[in-house]
């Protein structure tokens, strides 16, 4: 699928999280700018939910390459509340770009696996090691 030339518009930006939306191509790009604490994770995750809810976009790339240590409470919120929120939107495909660190990668994979086991998410997702790979898959 070829992307139509359509610029991304900034939906949300903070020192820790950025969300850009391309309505013409039905695509959202979210990127963590640095490691975050639980409050920042909740704030960013809620903004992602709001962006998907308000735009009706069905395809998203979530870049978490800069996330490192996540505490237990944050992982719990992500595997339950966060995935439940995303499932209340029109999201159909989510490409996740994971950190290079094996420990961080495993922690984020465990969050998604736990959400899947609880039958919370209603969208397809796949993990990637680069933004380029994620974009190739999301555009299939």
Protein backbone atom coordinates (compact mmCIF):
# COMPACT_ATOMS: atom_id res chain seq x y z
CA UNK A 1 0.00 0.00 0.00
CA UNK A 2 1.47 3.32 -1.04
CA UNK A 3 1.13 6.23 1.31
CA UNK A 4 -0.50 9.34 -0.06
CA UNK A 5 1.60 12.46 0.50
CA UNK A 6 0.00 13.79 3.64
CA UNK A 7 1.94 15.54 6.38
CA UNK A 8 1.76 14.44 9.97
CA UNK A 9 0.15 16.94 12.30
CA UNK A 10 1.29 17.22 15.89
CA UNK A 11 -1.52 16.05 18.18
CA UNK A 12 0.33 16.08 21.51
CA UNK A 13 3.83 16.89 22.68
CA UNK A 14 5.56 16.94 26.05
CA UNK A 15 9.12 16.43 27.19
CA UNK A 16 8.43 12.68 27.45
CA UNK A 17 5.88 11.81 24.71
CA UNK A 18 4.91 12.87 21.20
CA UNK A 19 1.86 11.92 19.14
CA UNK A 20 1.55 12.78 15.44
CA UNK A 21 -1.46 12.06 13.26
CA UNK A 22 -1.75 11.60 9.48
CA UNK A 23 -5.49 11.44 8.80
CA UNK A 24 -4.96 11.14 5.03
CA UNK A 25 -3.13 7.85 5.50
CA UNK A 26 -5.09 6.75 8.58
CA UNK A 27 -1.89 6.55 10.64
CA UNK A 28 -0.77 7.67 14.09
CA UNK A 29 2.85 7.78 15.29
CA UNK A 30 3.53 7.88 19.03
CA UNK A 31 7.02 8.06 20.50
CA UNK A 32 8.37 8.06 24.03
CA UNK A 33 11.13 10.67 24.26
CA UNK A 34 12.79 9.35 27.42
CA UNK A 35 12.28 6.87 30.30
CA UNK A 36 9.12 7.65 32.28
CA UNK A 37 7.53 7.04 35.68
CA UNK A 38 4.03 5.65 36.20
CA UNK A 39 2.30 9.05 36.21
CA UNK A 40 3.94 9.97 32.91
CA UNK A 41 3.07 6.56 31.44
CA UNK A 42 -0.57 7.03 32.44
CA UNK A 43 -0.60 10.59 31.04
CA UNK A 44 0.97 9.49 27.75
CA UNK A 45 -1.16 6.37 27.45
CA UNK A 46 -4.30 8.40 28.11
CA UNK A 47 -3.28 10.93 25.43
CA UNK A 48 -2.78 8.06 22.98
CA UNK A 49 -6.26 6.75 23.80
CA UNK A 50 -7.75 10.24 23.32
CA UNK A 51 -5.95 10.70 19.99
CA UNK A 52 -7.24 7.36 18.68
CA UNK A 53 -10.73 7.99 20.03
CA UNK A 54 -10.96 11.53 18.65
CA UNK A 55 -9.53 10.77 15.20
CA UNK A 56 -10.92 7.28 14.52
CA UNK A 57 -7.53 6.24 13.15
CA UNK A 58 -7.14 2.46 12.85
CA UNK A 59 -3.35 2.05 12.43
CA UNK A 60 -0.66 3.16 14.88
CA UNK A 61 3.07 2.84 15.49
CA UNK A 62 4.11 3.14 19.14
CA UNK A 63 7.85 3.70 19.50
CA UNK A 64 9.09 2.70 22.96
CA UNK A 65 12.81 2.47 22.11
CA UNK A 66 13.68 4.97 24.87
CA UNK A 67 11.69 3.24 27.62
CA UNK A 68 13.90 1.34 30.02
CA UNK A 69 12.85 0.27 33.50
CA UNK A 70 9.14 -0.08 34.18
CA UNK A 71 8.05 -0.78 37.72
CA UNK A 72 5.43 -3.41 38.58
CA UNK A 73 2.62 -0.88 39.09
CA UNK A 74 3.26 0.67 35.66
CA UNK A 75 3.32 -2.73 33.94
CA UNK A 76 0.08 -3.66 35.72
CA UNK A 77 -1.63 -0.48 34.48
CA UNK A 78 -0.39 -1.08 30.94
CA UNK A 79 -1.51 -4.71 30.77
CA UNK A 80 -4.99 -3.94 32.05
CA UNK A 81 -6.27 -0.38 31.85
CA UNK A 82 -4.13 0.80 28.92
CA UNK A 83 -4.95 -2.10 26.58
CA UNK A 84 -8.60 -1.87 27.60
CA UNK A 85 -8.65 1.84 26.69
CA UNK A 86 -7.06 1.16 23.30
CA UNK A 87 -9.65 -1.55 22.65
CA UNK A 88 -12.41 1.03 23.08
CA UNK A 89 -11.13 2.90 20.00
CA UNK A 90 -11.19 2.04 16.28
CA UNK A 91 -7.59 0.76 16.47
CA UNK A 92 -7.07 -2.36 14.33
CA UNK A 93 -3.27 -2.61 13.99
CA UNK A 94 -0.57 -1.54 16.45
CA UNK A 95 3.14 -1.82 15.59
CA UNK A 96 5.30 -1.60 18.73
CA UNK A 97 8.97 -0.59 18.40
CA UNK A 98 10.71 -2.05 21.44
CA UNK A 99 13.94 -1.00 23.20
CA UNK A 100 17.24 -2.68 22.31
CA UNK A 101 17.81 -3.74 25.92
CA UNK A 102 16.74 -7.36 26.34
CA UNK A 103 15.36 -6.77 29.84
CA UNK A 104 13.25 -3.79 28.73
CA UNK A 105 12.10 -5.64 25.62
CA UNK A 106 11.00 -8.67 27.66
CA UNK A 107 9.13 -6.45 30.13
CA UNK A 108 7.13 -4.78 27.35
CA UNK A 109 6.47 -8.11 25.63
CA UNK A 110 5.17 -9.50 28.94
CA UNK A 111 2.73 -6.58 29.25
CA UNK A 112 1.19 -7.37 25.85
CA UNK A 113 1.14 -11.12 26.52
CA UNK A 114 -0.69 -10.54 29.79
CA UNK A 115 -3.26 -8.28 28.10
CA UNK A 116 -3.78 -10.92 25.41
CA UNK A 117 -4.28 -13.65 28.02
CA UNK A 118 -7.03 -11.57 29.62
CA UNK A 119 -8.76 -11.12 26.23
CA UNK A 120 -8.58 -7.36 26.70
CA UNK A 121 -7.23 -6.19 23.37
CA UNK A 122 -9.38 -6.16 20.25
CA UNK A 123 -6.63 -5.22 17.82
CA UNK A 124 -3.71 -6.92 16.12
CA UNK A 125 -0.25 -5.99 17.33
CA UNK A 126 3.29 -6.95 16.47
CA UNK A 127 6.70 -6.07 17.96
CA UNK A 128 9.61 -4.64 15.97
CA UNK A 129 13.19 -3.59 16.56
CA UNK A 130 13.04 -0.54 14.26
CA UNK A 131 10.62 2.17 13.16
CA UNK A 132 11.25 1.23 9.50
CA UNK A 133 10.18 -2.41 10.05
CA UNK A 134 7.13 -1.25 12.00
CA UNK A 135 6.05 1.11 9.21
CA UNK A 136 6.47 -1.60 6.56
CA UNK A 137 4.18 -3.94 8.50
CA UNK A 138 1.59 -1.31 9.43
CA UNK A 139 1.23 -0.36 5.76
CA UNK A 140 0.56 -3.90 4.52
